[in-house]
C-alpha cells in the first residue's frame, strides 16, 4: 500500500483503527527504536490483531516510513504557520527556528525518529533535510543562510543528545543568538 493513504474513504471504525496503529507505531518507534519495535508490539499497544496492521501496511518499514513522512509534514506545517506572518527573511528565520525548537521540545520522540532514520534509511534522512532546505528556500535566500544552517544542524545534534538521554529540556531561546 502506498504511503499516501487516502483516509477520506475510511469508515469511522476503520479510521479509528488506523489512527490507533499510527499512534501506537509512533510511540513504539520513539520509545524502542526501529530495530526493537515489532509489528506484534504495535498490535498489542493498539489492542488489535497483527493481521489488522497488514491491511494498511505490508511491512514494518513501510509503516515506519509512513510515520516519518507524516511527521515531516507536521513539522513543515508547524514551521510554515509560525513564519507566515513575517515579511523579512531574518524574522522568518528566527520565527522558524523558534517554532522548530518548540516542536522538538513538545515532541521529543519525533525528533528521535527522524534522527534514527539516518541508520535505517540514509536516503530518507537526507530527503528530510533536503526537503527542509528547499522549503526554507521558499522564504529565505538559502545561499546566504547556509553557514547559519550548518550551525543549526550542529545545534540539532546537541538537542538530539539531550533527548536520547531522556532530558526534555530544550536550551533557552537565548542560545539562539549564538547561532
Foldseek 3Di string as FASTA:
>chain_A
DDLPDDCVPPDPVLVLLVVLLLVLLLVCCLVPNLVRDALVSSCVSSVHDSVSVCVPPVGSVSSLLSSLVVVLVVLLVQLCVQQVVDDDLVSSVLSSVVSNLVCCLVCVSNLVSLVSCCVVPVVSNVVSVVVVLVSSVVRHVSVVCVVVVVVVVVLSVVVNVCVVVPNSDRDDSVVVVVD
